[in-house]
């Protein structure tokens, strides 16, 4: 039971941290849009979809 709770906690934490990290990357990309090459454009789109 303890292991199950730990796995659930880890899953929720990982999901949340991934969401915040993708949000941060998305904001960084959109704020530095003029400095980035065109090959980086699919990245925020995939983050936005997921």
PDB file of N, CA and C in Angstrom:
ATOM      1  N   UNK A   1       0.829  -1.197   0.000  1.00  0.00           N
ATOM      2  CA  UNK A   1       0.000   0.000   0.000  1.00  0.00           C
ATOM      3  C   UNK A   1       0.876   1.265   0.000  1.00  0.00           C
ATOM      4  N   UNK A   2       1.925   1.209   0.759  1.00  0.00           N
ATOM      5  CA  UNK A   2       2.845   2.354   0.812  1.00  0.00           C
ATOM      6  C   UNK A   2       3.549   2.556  -0.534  1.00  0.00           C
ATOM      7  N   UNK A   3       3.905   1.449  -1.160  1.00  0.00           N
ATOM      8  CA  UNK A   3       4.571   1.514  -2.456  1.00  0.00           C
ATOM      9  C   UNK A   3       3.630   2.086  -3.523  1.00  0.00           C
ATOM     10  N   UNK A   4       2.377   1.696  -3.447  1.00  0.00           N
ATOM     11  CA  UNK A   4       1.381   2.202  -4.380  1.00  0.00           C
ATOM     12  C   UNK A   4       1.205   3.711  -4.229  1.00  0.00           C
ATOM     13  N   UNK A   5       1.117   4.176  -3.000  1.00  0.00           N
ATOM     14  CA  UNK A   5       0.985   5.614  -2.740  1.00  0.00           C
ATOM     15  C   UNK A   5       2.220   6.375  -3.220  1.00  0.00           C
ATOM     16  N   UNK A   6       3.361   5.773  -3.034  1.00  0.00           N
ATOM     17  CA  UNK A   6       4.603   6.401  -3.476  1.00  0.00           C
ATOM     18  C   UNK A   6       4.662   6.503  -4.997  1.00  0.00           C
ATOM     19  N   UNK A   7       4.205   5.447  -5.671  1.00  0.00           N
ATOM     20  CA  UNK A   7       4.177   5.475  -7.133  1.00  0.00           C
ATOM     21  C   UNK A   7       3.190   6.505  -7.654  1.00  0.00           C
ATOM     22  N   UNK A   8       2.070   6.611  -7.001  1.00  0.00           N
ATOM     23  CA  UNK A   8       1.068   7.596  -7.387  1.00  0.00           C
ATOM     24  C   UNK A   8       1.588   9.010  -7.175  1.00  0.00           C
ATOM     25  N   UNK A   9       2.234   9.224  -6.049  1.00  0.00           N
ATOM     26  CA  UNK A   9       2.804  10.533  -5.743  1.00  0.00           C
ATOM     27  C   UNK A   9       3.881  10.913  -6.757  1.00  0.00           C
ATOM     28  N   UNK A  10       4.707   9.953  -7.092  1.00  0.00           N
ATOM     29  CA  UNK A  10       5.762  10.196  -8.076  1.00  0.00           C
ATOM     30  C   UNK A  10       5.172  10.513  -9.446  1.00  0.00           C
ATOM     31  N   UNK A  11       4.109   9.788  -9.809  1.00  0.00           N
ATOM     32  CA  UNK A  11       3.463  10.011 -11.102  1.00  0.00           C
ATOM     33  C   UNK A  11       2.843  11.408 -11.169  1.00  0.00           C
ATOM     34  N   UNK A  12       2.166  11.825 -10.123  1.00  0.00           N
ATOM     35  CA  UNK A  12       1.547  13.150 -10.070  1.00  0.00           C
ATOM     36  C   UNK A  12       2.613  14.242 -10.105  1.00  0.00           C
ATOM     37  N   UNK A  13       3.692  14.028  -9.343  1.00  0.00           N
ATOM     38  CA  UNK A  13       4.777  15.006  -9.322  1.00  0.00           C
ATOM     39  C   UNK A  13       5.461  15.116 -10.687  1.00  0.00           C
ATOM     40  N   UNK A  14       5.680  13.977 -11.318  1.00  0.00           N
ATOM     41  CA  UNK A  14       6.326  13.969 -12.632  1.00  0.00           C
ATOM     42  C   UNK A  14       5.447  14.652 -13.669  1.00  0.00           C
ATOM     43  N   UNK A  15       4.148  14.382 -13.620  1.00  0.00           N
ATOM     44  CA  UNK A  15       3.207  14.975 -14.555  1.00  0.00           C
ATOM     45  C   UNK A  15       3.153  16.495 -14.371  1.00  0.00           C
ATOM     46  N   UNK A  16       3.112  16.930 -13.120  1.00  0.00           N
ATOM     47  CA  UNK A  16       3.046  18.346 -12.824  1.00  0.00           C
ATOM     48  C   UNK A  16       4.343  19.061 -13.218  1.00  0.00           C
ATOM     49  N   UNK A  17       5.462  18.457 -12.909  1.00  0.00           N
ATOM     50  CA  UNK A  17       6.746  19.080 -13.241  1.00  0.00           C
ATOM     51  C   UNK A  17       6.956  19.132 -14.756  1.00  0.00           C
ATOM     52  N   UNK A  18       6.469  18.110 -15.450  1.00  0.00           N
ATOM     53  CA  UNK A  18       6.565  18.117 -16.902  1.00  0.00           C
ATOM     54  C   UNK A  18       5.691  19.220 -17.490  1.00  0.00           C
ATOM     55  N   UNK A  19       4.516  19.410 -16.898  1.00  0.00           N
ATOM     56  CA  UNK A  19       3.611  20.464 -17.363  1.00  0.00           C
ATOM     57  C   UNK A  19       4.230  21.844 -17.158  1.00  0.00           C
ATOM     58  N   UNK A  20       4.806  22.072 -15.977  1.00  0.00           N
ATOM     59  CA  UNK A  20       5.419  23.373 -15.701  1.00  0.00           C
ATOM     60  C   UNK A  20       6.677  23.606 -16.530  1.00  0.00           C
ATOM     61  N   UNK A  21       7.408  22.531 -16.779  1.00  0.00           N
ATOM     62  CA  UNK A  21       8.620  22.664 -17.581  1.00  0.00           C
ATOM     63  C   UNK A  21       8.276  22.982 -19.038  1.00  0.00           C
ATOM     64  N   UNK A  22       7.253  22.322 -19.559  1.00  0.00           N
ATOM     65  CA  UNK A  22       6.836  22.597 -20.934  1.00  0.00           C
ATOM     66  C   UNK A  22       6.270  24.004 -21.065  1.00  0.00           C
ATOM     67  N   UNK A  23       5.576  24.453 -20.018  1.00  0.00           N
ATOM     68  CA  UNK A  23       5.058  25.825 -20.007  1.00  0.00           C
ATOM     69  C   UNK A  23       6.205  26.831 -19.999  1.00  0.00           C
ATOM     70  N   UNK A  24       7.220  26.550 -19.204  1.00  0.00           N
ATOM     71  CA  UNK A  24       8.380  27.430 -19.125  1.00  0.00           C
ATOM     72  C   UNK A  24       9.129  27.470 -20.460  1.00  0.00           C
ATOM     73  N   UNK A  25       9.306  26.312 -21.060  1.00  0.00           N
ATOM     74  CA  UNK A  25       9.974  26.245 -22.365  1.00  0.00           C
ATOM     75  C   UNK A  25       9.165  26.993 -23.423  1.00  0.00           C
ATOM     76  N   UNK A  26       7.850  26.833 -23.349  1.00  0.00           N
ATOM     77  CA  UNK A  26       6.983  27.512 -24.313  1.00  0.00           C
ATOM     78  C   UNK A  26       7.087  29.029 -24.181  1.00  0.00           C
ATOM     79  N   UNK A  27       7.094  29.524 -22.949  1.00  0.00           N
ATOM     80  CA  UNK A  27       7.218  30.965 -22.733  1.00  0.00           C
ATOM     81  C   UNK A  27       8.602  31.485 -23.114  1.00  0.00           C
ATOM     82  N   UNK A  28       9.609  30.682 -22.874  1.00  0.00           N
ATOM     83  CA  UNK A  28      10.959  31.081 -23.276  1.00  0.00           C
ATOM     84  C   UNK A  28      11.078  31.168 -24.789  1.00  0.00           C
ATOM     85  N   UNK A  29      10.475  30.211 -25.473  1.00  0.00           N
ATOM     86  CA  UNK A  29      10.534  30.202 -26.933  1.00  0.00           C
ATOM     87  C   UNK A  29       9.745  31.366 -27.514  1.00  0.00           C
ATOM     88  N   UNK A  30       8.571  31.626 -26.972  1.00  0.00           N
ATOM     89  CA  UNK A  30       7.755  32.712 -27.512  1.00  0.00           C
ATOM     90  C   UNK A  30       8.355  34.085 -27.210  1.00  0.00           C
ATOM     91  N   UNK A  31       9.045  34.205 -26.083  1.00  0.00           N
ATOM     92  CA  UNK A  31       9.662  35.492 -25.752  1.00  0.00           C
ATOM     93  C   UNK A  31      10.927  35.740 -26.585  1.00  0.00           C
ATOM     94  N   UNK A  32      11.610  34.652 -26.984  1.00  0.00           N
ATOM     95  CA  UNK A  32      12.836  34.793 -27.781  1.00  0.00           C
ATOM     96  C   UNK A  32      12.618  34.352 -29.224  1.00  0.00           C
ATOM     97  N   UNK A  33      11.420  34.615 -29.718  1.00  0.00           N
ATOM     98  CA  UNK A  33      11.052  34.097 -31.032  1.00  0.00           C
ATOM     99  C   UNK A  33      11.913  34.660 -32.159  1.00  0.00           C
ATOM    100  N   UNK A  34      12.291  35.910 -32.041  1.00  0.00           N
ATOM    101  CA  UNK A  34      13.063  36.534 -33.108  1.00  0.00           C
ATOM    102  C   UNK A  34      14.517  36.053 -33.145  1.00  0.00           C
ATOM    103  N   UNK A  35      14.982  35.464 -32.033  1.00  0.00           N
ATOM    104  CA  UNK A  35      16.375  35.002 -31.980  1.00  0.00           C
ATOM    105  C   UNK A  35      16.531  33.534 -32.346  1.00  0.00           C
ATOM    106  N   UNK A  36      15.403  32.841 -32.435  1.00  0.00           N
ATOM    107  CA  UNK A  36      15.476  31.407 -32.699  1.00  0.00           C
ATOM    108  C   UNK A  36      15.351  31.110 -34.186  1.00  0.00           C
ATOM    109  N   UNK A  37      16.031  30.063 -34.638  1.00  0.00           N
ATOM    110  CA  UNK A  37      15.866  29.644 -36.035  1.00  0.00           C
ATOM    111  C   UNK A  37      14.478  29.024 -36.279  1.00  0.00           C
ATOM    112  N   UNK A  38      14.160  28.833 -37.506  1.00  0.00           N
ATOM    113  CA  UNK A  38      12.831  28.351 -37.858  1.00  0.00           C
ATOM    114  C   UNK A  38      12.622  26.877 -37.504  1.00  0.00           C
ATOM    115  N   UNK A  39      13.694  26.138 -37.292  1.00  0.00           N
ATOM    116  CA  UNK A  39      13.580  24.718 -36.975  1.00  0.00           C
ATOM    117  C   UNK A  39      13.047  24.468 -35.563  1.00  0.00           C
ATOM    118  N   UNK A  40      13.024  25.500 -34.720  1.00  0.00           N
ATOM    119  CA  UNK A  40      12.507  25.344 -33.359  1.00  0.00           C
ATOM    120  C   UNK A  40      10.997  25.556 -33.258  1.00  0.00           C
ATOM    121  N   UNK A  41      10.365  25.908 -34.371  1.00  0.00           N
ATOM    122  CA  UNK A  41       8.938  26.226 -34.325  1.00  0.00           C
ATOM    123  C   UNK A  41       8.022  25.041 -34.001  1.00  0.00           C
ATOM    124  N   UNK A  42       8.306  23.811 -34.446  1.00  0.00           N
ATOM    125  CA  UNK A  42       7.418  22.697 -34.074  1.00  0.00           C
ATOM    126  C   UNK A  42       7.419  22.372 -32.576  1.00  0.00           C
ATOM    127  N   UNK A  43       8.454  22.805 -31.860  1.00  0.00           N
ATOM    128  CA  UNK A  43       8.563  22.465 -30.443  1.00  0.00           C
ATOM    129  C   UNK A  43       7.442  23.056 -29.578  1.00  0.00           C
ATOM    130  N   UNK A  44       7.168  24.364 -29.640  1.00  0.00           N
ATOM    131  CA  UNK A  44       6.076  24.876 -28.818  1.00  0.00           C
ATOM    132  C   UNK A  44       4.698  24.392 -29.266  1.00  0.00           C
ATOM    133  N   UNK A  45       4.585  24.022 -30.527  1.00  0.00           N
ATOM    134  CA  UNK A  45       3.302  23.498 -31.003  1.00  0.00           C
ATOM    135  C   UNK A  45       3.028  22.134 -30.374  1.00  0.00           C
ATOM    136  N   UNK A  46       4.048  21.294 -30.311  1.00  0.00           N
ATOM    137  CA  UNK A  46       3.873  19.982 -29.702  1.00  0.00           C
ATOM    138  C   UNK A  46       3.630  20.099 -28.203  1.00  0.00           C
ATOM    139  N   UNK A  47       4.250  21.072 -27.563  1.00  0.00           N
ATOM    140  CA  UNK A  47       4.001  21.301 -26.148  1.00  0.00           C
ATOM    141  C   UNK A  47       2.587  21.815 -25.908  1.00  0.00           C
ATOM    142  N   UNK A  48       2.121  22.630 -26.834  1.00  0.00           N
ATOM    143  CA  UNK A  48       0.793  23.204 -26.686  1.00  0.00           C
ATOM    144  C   UNK A  48      -0.291  22.135 -26.871  1.00  0.00           C
ATOM    145  N   UNK A  49      -0.056  21.211 -27.782  1.00  0.00           N
ATOM    146  CA  UNK A  49      -1.021  20.142 -28.027  1.00  0.00           C
ATOM    147  C   UNK A  49      -1.087  19.191 -26.829  1.00  0.00           C
ATOM    148  N   UNK A  50       0.064  18.846 -26.289  1.00  0.00           N
ATOM    149  CA  UNK A  50       0.095  17.938 -25.137  1.00  0.00           C
ATOM    150  C   UNK A  50      -0.150  18.706 -23.842  1.00  0.00           C
TER     151      UNK A  50
END
